[in-house]
Amino acid sequence: MKARVAKIVLAALLVVALCSQAFGLHQYVPAQTHRATKRKAHLRRARWNPVFRPSRESLLRQNKEIDRLDLPRIQDDEELRQLIASRDLVPIEASESLRIEPSLDPNRRYCRPWTRDFLEDMSNAYYEEFHSQIQVNSAVRTVKVQKRLRRHNRNAAPYAGDTASSHLAGITVDIQRRGMTREQIKWVQDYLMPLKEQSLIEPEEERRHWCFHVAVSGRYADWRQSQLASASHNDSQTQTEDVQPPDPLTILSNQ
């Protein structure tokens, strides 16, 4: 009888010990998981620290520029073809400094002439700095395309209204941010900032697709022309200074 009682007591003690260990493990694991989750969230916040944060105000500014230029929001492929035929939209072409996302539909590799000027200027400057290409992920879109995009991505801009996507007017390109080093991202941000301050562009850094969304003002064309004229004048002045006129006293002494 005593032996049986001893066995029962021993079994009870084992059950209590096992339950205590299980309880202790249960208490410990969630705490460790919680700390890991907090750490991952902190790293995500630290990694995502855009200079040009997307906002409703930014979309309003982009659409205000489209309205100022009296540009249409392109409805469908037929309207897109007409704008391409009239050269209101020009092709974006790959080059030593620029590549295009292979999956981008060839019919959407178009933009406004001043947007292409901006793209060429930036890609050339980036290549000169890093000997690496920038990539265009998206350019012109139609309302039909934007509607389809909205069905799969609720973060996509609307296809109508004051905050509609500026891609619909062809003034905007998306430049891939993913894969850039911190140094390269900072270079792009520093390149874009003075242009934004002069209201020549309206940039955003999109988190979902990791790209620089850049809407280019029609004023960029005039600003670019003035920069080229100024550079040409400075070069001409430098060449004139290098060729010194003859000294009159020297000419007289040689006579």
Protein backbone atom coordinates (compact mmCIF):
# COMPACT_ATOMS: atom_id res chain seq x y z
CA MET A 1 0.00 0.00 0.00
CA LYS A 2 2.77 2.40 0.93
CA ALA A 3 4.63 1.53 -2.25
CA ARG A 4 1.53 2.31 -4.30
CA VAL A 5 1.06 5.68 -2.56
CA ALA A 6 4.73 6.47 -3.16
CA LYS A 7 4.32 5.75 -6.86
CA ILE A 8 1.25 8.01 -7.05
CA VAL A 9 3.10 10.84 -5.28
CA LEU A 10 6.12 10.42 -7.55
CA ALA A 11 3.91 10.52 -10.65
CA ALA A 12 2.19 13.65 -9.39
CA LEU A 13 5.55 15.35 -8.80
CA LEU A 14 6.66 14.48 -12.33
CA VAL A 15 3.47 15.95 -13.78
CA VAL A 16 3.95 19.16 -11.78
CA ALA A 17 7.58 19.44 -12.91
CA LEU A 18 6.69 18.93 -16.56
CA CYS A 19 3.86 21.47 -16.36
CA SER A 20 6.20 24.00 -14.75
CA GLN A 21 8.75 23.57 -17.54
CA ALA A 22 6.05 23.86 -20.20
CA PHE A 23 4.64 26.96 -18.52
CA GLY A 24 8.10 28.51 -18.30
CA LEU A 25 8.74 27.80 -21.98
CA HIS A 26 5.37 29.24 -22.90
CA GLN A 27 6.18 32.41 -21.02
CA TYR A 28 9.63 32.77 -22.59
CA VAL A 29 8.98 32.14 -26.30
CA PRO A 30 6.40 34.86 -26.91
CA ALA A 31 8.66 37.37 -25.16
CA GLN A 32 11.53 36.43 -27.47
CA THR A 33 9.24 36.58 -30.53
CA HIS A 34 7.91 39.97 -29.44
CA ARG A 35 11.42 41.38 -29.10
CA ALA A 36 12.36 40.01 -32.52
CA THR A 37 9.24 41.56 -34.06
CA LYS A 38 10.03 44.93 -32.50
CA ARG A 39 13.59 44.73 -33.76
CA LYS A 40 12.45 43.94 -37.32
CA ALA A 41 9.96 46.81 -37.23
CA HIS A 42 12.72 49.17 -36.05
CA LEU A 43 15.01 48.03 -38.86
CA ARG A 44 12.23 48.59 -41.42
CA ARG A 45 11.66 52.11 -40.09
CA ALA A 46 15.39 52.84 -40.12
CA ARG A 47 15.70 51.56 -43.68
CA TRP A 48 12.69 53.50 -44.97
CA ASN A 49 13.45 57.14 -44.35
CA PRO A 50 12.51 58.98 -47.56
CA VAL A 51 13.37 62.60 -48.27
CA PHE A 52 10.39 62.86 -50.64
CA ARG A 53 7.54 61.24 -48.75
CA PRO A 54 4.37 60.57 -50.79
CA SER A 55 1.41 62.73 -49.80
CA ARG A 56 -1.95 63.99 -50.97
CA GLU A 57 -0.45 67.48 -51.24
CA SER A 58 2.18 66.19 -53.66
CA LEU A 59 -0.50 64.61 -55.87
CA LEU A 60 -2.42 67.89 -55.84
CA ARG A 61 0.69 69.77 -57.01
CA GLN A 62 1.27 67.26 -59.80
CA ASN A 63 -2.29 67.62 -61.05
CA LYS A 64 -2.16 71.39 -60.75
CA GLU A 65 0.80 71.41 -63.16
CA ILE A 66 -1.06 69.12 -65.58
CA ASP A 67 -4.02 71.53 -65.53
CA ARG A 68 -1.71 74.54 -66.00
CA LEU A 69 -0.28 72.89 -69.11
CA ASP A 70 -3.82 71.97 -70.24
CA LEU A 71 -2.80 68.36 -70.84
CA PRO A 72 -5.34 65.55 -71.25
CA ARG A 73 -5.48 62.49 -69.03
CA ILE A 74 -5.01 59.83 -71.70
CA GLN A 75 -8.08 57.61 -71.75
CA ASP A 76 -7.14 54.61 -73.90
CA ASP A 77 -4.70 53.16 -76.41
CA GLU A 78 -6.28 55.02 -79.33
CA GLU A 79 -5.69 58.40 -77.70
CA LEU A 80 -2.19 57.26 -76.75
CA ARG A 81 -1.40 56.39 -80.38
CA GLN A 82 -2.62 59.80 -81.55
CA LEU A 83 -0.34 61.62 -79.10
CA ILE A 84 2.61 59.48 -80.18
CA ALA A 85 1.87 60.18 -83.86
CA SER A 86 1.70 63.94 -83.21
CA ARG A 87 4.99 63.81 -81.24
CA ASP A 88 3.28 65.18 -78.14
CA LEU A 89 4.70 62.04 -76.57
CA VAL A 90 8.25 60.95 -77.41
CA PRO A 91 9.93 57.55 -76.96
CA ILE A 92 12.20 56.73 -74.05
CA GLU A 93 15.19 54.90 -75.46
CA ALA A 94 17.79 52.79 -73.73
CA SER A 95 21.34 54.13 -73.76
CA GLU A 96 24.70 53.73 -72.09
CA SER A 97 23.32 55.55 -69.04
CA LEU A 98 19.68 54.39 -69.14
CA ARG A 99 17.91 51.05 -69.20
CA ILE A 100 14.21 50.19 -69.25
CA GLU A 101 12.42 47.55 -67.21
CA PRO A 102 12.05 44.65 -69.70
CA SER A 103 8.46 43.93 -68.66
CA LEU A 104 7.31 47.49 -69.41
CA ASP A 105 4.93 47.43 -72.37
CA PRO A 106 6.63 49.04 -75.43
CA ASN A 107 3.47 51.14 -75.94
CA ARG A 108 4.05 52.73 -72.53
CA ARG A 109 7.70 53.65 -73.04
CA TYR A 110 6.75 57.23 -73.86
CA CYS A 111 6.62 60.56 -72.06
CA ARG A 112 6.48 64.32 -72.68
CA PRO A 113 9.55 65.84 -74.43
CA TRP A 114 10.63 67.82 -71.34
CA THR A 115 10.29 64.70 -69.18
CA ARG A 116 12.62 62.85 -71.53
CA ASP A 117 15.07 65.78 -71.35
CA PHE A 118 15.06 65.50 -67.56
CA LEU A 119 15.55 61.74 -67.76
CA GLU A 120 18.50 62.06 -70.13
CA ASP A 121 20.12 64.80 -68.04
CA MET A 122 19.80 62.82 -64.82
CA SER A 123 20.88 59.47 -66.29
CA ASN A 124 23.98 61.06 -67.88
CA ALA A 125 24.95 62.74 -64.61
CA TYR A 126 24.35 59.50 -62.68
CA TYR A 127 26.45 57.50 -65.14
CA GLU A 128 29.26 60.04 -64.94
CA GLU A 129 29.24 59.68 -61.14
CA PHE A 130 28.82 55.90 -60.75
CA HIS A 131 29.42 54.38 -64.22
CA SER A 132 26.10 52.66 -63.74
CA GLN A 133 22.68 52.97 -65.40
CA ILE A 134 19.43 54.12 -63.89
CA GLN A 135 16.32 52.13 -64.77
CA VAL A 136 12.90 53.37 -65.84
CA ASN A 137 10.16 51.16 -64.42
CA SER A 138 7.11 53.08 -65.63
CA ALA A 139 6.20 56.06 -67.82
CA VAL A 140 2.94 57.01 -69.55
CA ARG A 141 -0.27 55.19 -68.63
CA THR A 142 -3.84 55.34 -69.82
CA VAL A 143 -6.90 55.62 -67.60
CA LYS A 144 -7.77 52.06 -68.61
CA VAL A 145 -4.37 50.82 -67.39
CA GLN A 146 -4.65 52.79 -64.14
CA LYS A 147 -8.08 51.31 -63.43
CA ARG A 148 -6.66 47.83 -63.84
CA LEU A 149 -3.70 48.72 -61.63
CA ARG A 150 -6.04 49.97 -58.90
CA ARG A 151 -7.79 46.59 -58.80
CA HIS A 152 -4.53 44.88 -57.86
CA ASN A 153 -2.89 47.68 -55.86
CA ARG A 154 -5.09 49.80 -53.64
CA ASN A 155 -2.11 52.08 -52.93
CA ALA A 156 -2.01 53.16 -56.57
CA ALA A 157 -3.16 56.72 -57.26
CA PRO A 158 -6.74 57.22 -58.54
CA TYR A 159 -7.50 57.45 -62.25
CA ALA A 160 -9.66 60.58 -61.86
CA GLY A 161 -10.02 63.64 -59.66
CA ASP A 162 -7.61 66.10 -58.08
CA THR A 163 -5.24 63.34 -56.95
CA ALA A 164 -5.23 61.26 -60.13
CA SER A 165 -1.97 59.65 -61.22
CA SER A 166 0.23 62.08 -63.14
CA HIS A 167 1.36 59.13 -65.32
CA LEU A 168 -1.93 59.66 -67.18
CA ALA A 169 -0.62 62.91 -68.69
CA GLY A 170 2.81 61.53 -69.62
CA ILE A 171 4.80 63.96 -67.47
CA THR A 172 5.99 61.30 -65.01
CA VAL A 173 8.54 58.50 -64.87
CA ASP A 174 9.30 55.97 -62.14
CA ILE A 175 13.01 55.39 -61.58
CA GLN A 176 14.02 52.20 -59.79
CA ARG A 177 15.32 52.77 -56.27
CA ARG A 178 15.68 49.14 -55.27
CA GLY A 179 19.24 47.91 -55.65
CA MET A 180 20.83 51.32 -55.22
CA THR A 181 23.41 51.75 -52.50
CA ARG A 182 22.90 54.33 -49.76
CA GLU A 183 25.43 56.55 -51.51
CA GLN A 184 23.54 56.30 -54.79
CA ILE A 185 20.16 56.98 -53.15
CA LYS A 186 21.57 60.05 -51.44
CA TRP A 187 23.06 61.23 -54.74
CA VAL A 188 19.66 60.98 -56.41
CA GLN A 189 17.99 62.80 -53.52
CA ASP A 190 20.60 65.57 -53.67
CA TYR A 191 20.17 65.81 -57.44
CA LEU A 192 16.39 66.10 -57.21
CA MET A 193 16.18 68.51 -54.28
CA PRO A 194 17.26 71.77 -56.00
CA LEU A 195 14.98 70.97 -58.95
CA LYS A 196 12.06 70.48 -56.56
CA GLU A 197 12.89 73.73 -54.77
CA GLN A 198 12.58 75.52 -58.11
CA SER A 199 9.24 73.77 -58.78
CA LEU A 200 10.73 72.07 -61.84
CA ILE A 201 9.84 68.58 -60.60
CA GLU A 202 7.59 66.98 -58.00
CA PRO A 203 9.27 63.80 -56.69
CA GLU A 204 8.05 61.04 -54.37
CA GLU A 205 9.80 57.95 -53.02
CA GLU A 206 7.35 55.08 -53.26
CA ARG A 207 7.76 52.39 -50.64
CA ARG A 208 5.75 49.56 -52.16
CA HIS A 209 7.65 49.54 -55.44
CA TRP A 210 10.88 51.12 -54.16
CA CYS A 211 11.15 53.75 -56.86
CA PHE A 212 11.54 57.49 -57.35
CA HIS A 213 8.29 58.77 -58.86
CA VAL A 214 9.17 62.06 -60.61
CA ALA A 215 6.62 64.36 -62.25
CA VAL A 216 8.40 66.93 -64.42
CA SER A 217 7.07 70.45 -64.92
CA GLY A 218 6.79 71.94 -68.40
CA ARG A 219 9.03 74.73 -67.09
CA TYR A 220 11.93 72.30 -67.17
CA ALA A 221 12.38 72.85 -70.93
CA ASP A 222 12.94 76.62 -70.57
CA TRP A 223 15.12 76.16 -67.50
CA ARG A 224 17.25 73.58 -69.33
CA GLN A 225 17.64 75.86 -72.33
CA SER A 226 18.81 78.70 -70.10
CA GLN A 227 21.34 76.39 -68.42
CA LEU A 228 22.71 75.27 -71.78
CA ALA A 229 22.95 78.87 -73.00
CA SER A 230 24.74 79.91 -69.82
CA ALA A 231 27.20 77.03 -70.10
CA SER A 232 27.87 77.88 -73.76
CA HIS A 233 28.48 81.54 -72.88
CA ASN A 234 30.90 80.58 -70.10
CA ASP A 235 32.82 78.26 -72.44
CA SER A 236 33.06 80.99 -75.06
CA GLN A 237 34.25 83.50 -72.47
CA THR A 238 36.89 81.07 -71.19
CA GLN A 239 38.21 80.48 -74.71
CA THR A 240 38.41 84.24 -75.31
CA GLU A 241 40.38 84.72 -72.09
CA ASP A 242 42.78 81.94 -73.09
CA VAL A 243 43.65 83.73 -76.35
CA GLN A 244 45.24 86.95 -75.15
CA PRO A 245 45.31 89.95 -77.55
CA PRO A 246 48.76 91.15 -78.60
CA ASP A 247 50.43 93.86 -76.50
CA PRO A 248 50.54 97.16 -78.47
CA LEU A 249 53.87 98.11 -76.88
CA THR A 250 55.41 94.87 -78.09
CA ILE A 251 54.18 95.52 -81.63
CA LEU A 252 55.63 99.05 -81.63
CA SER A 253 59.03 97.93 -80.29
CA ASN A 254 59.33 95.36 -83.06
CA GLN A 255 58.77 97.94 -85.80
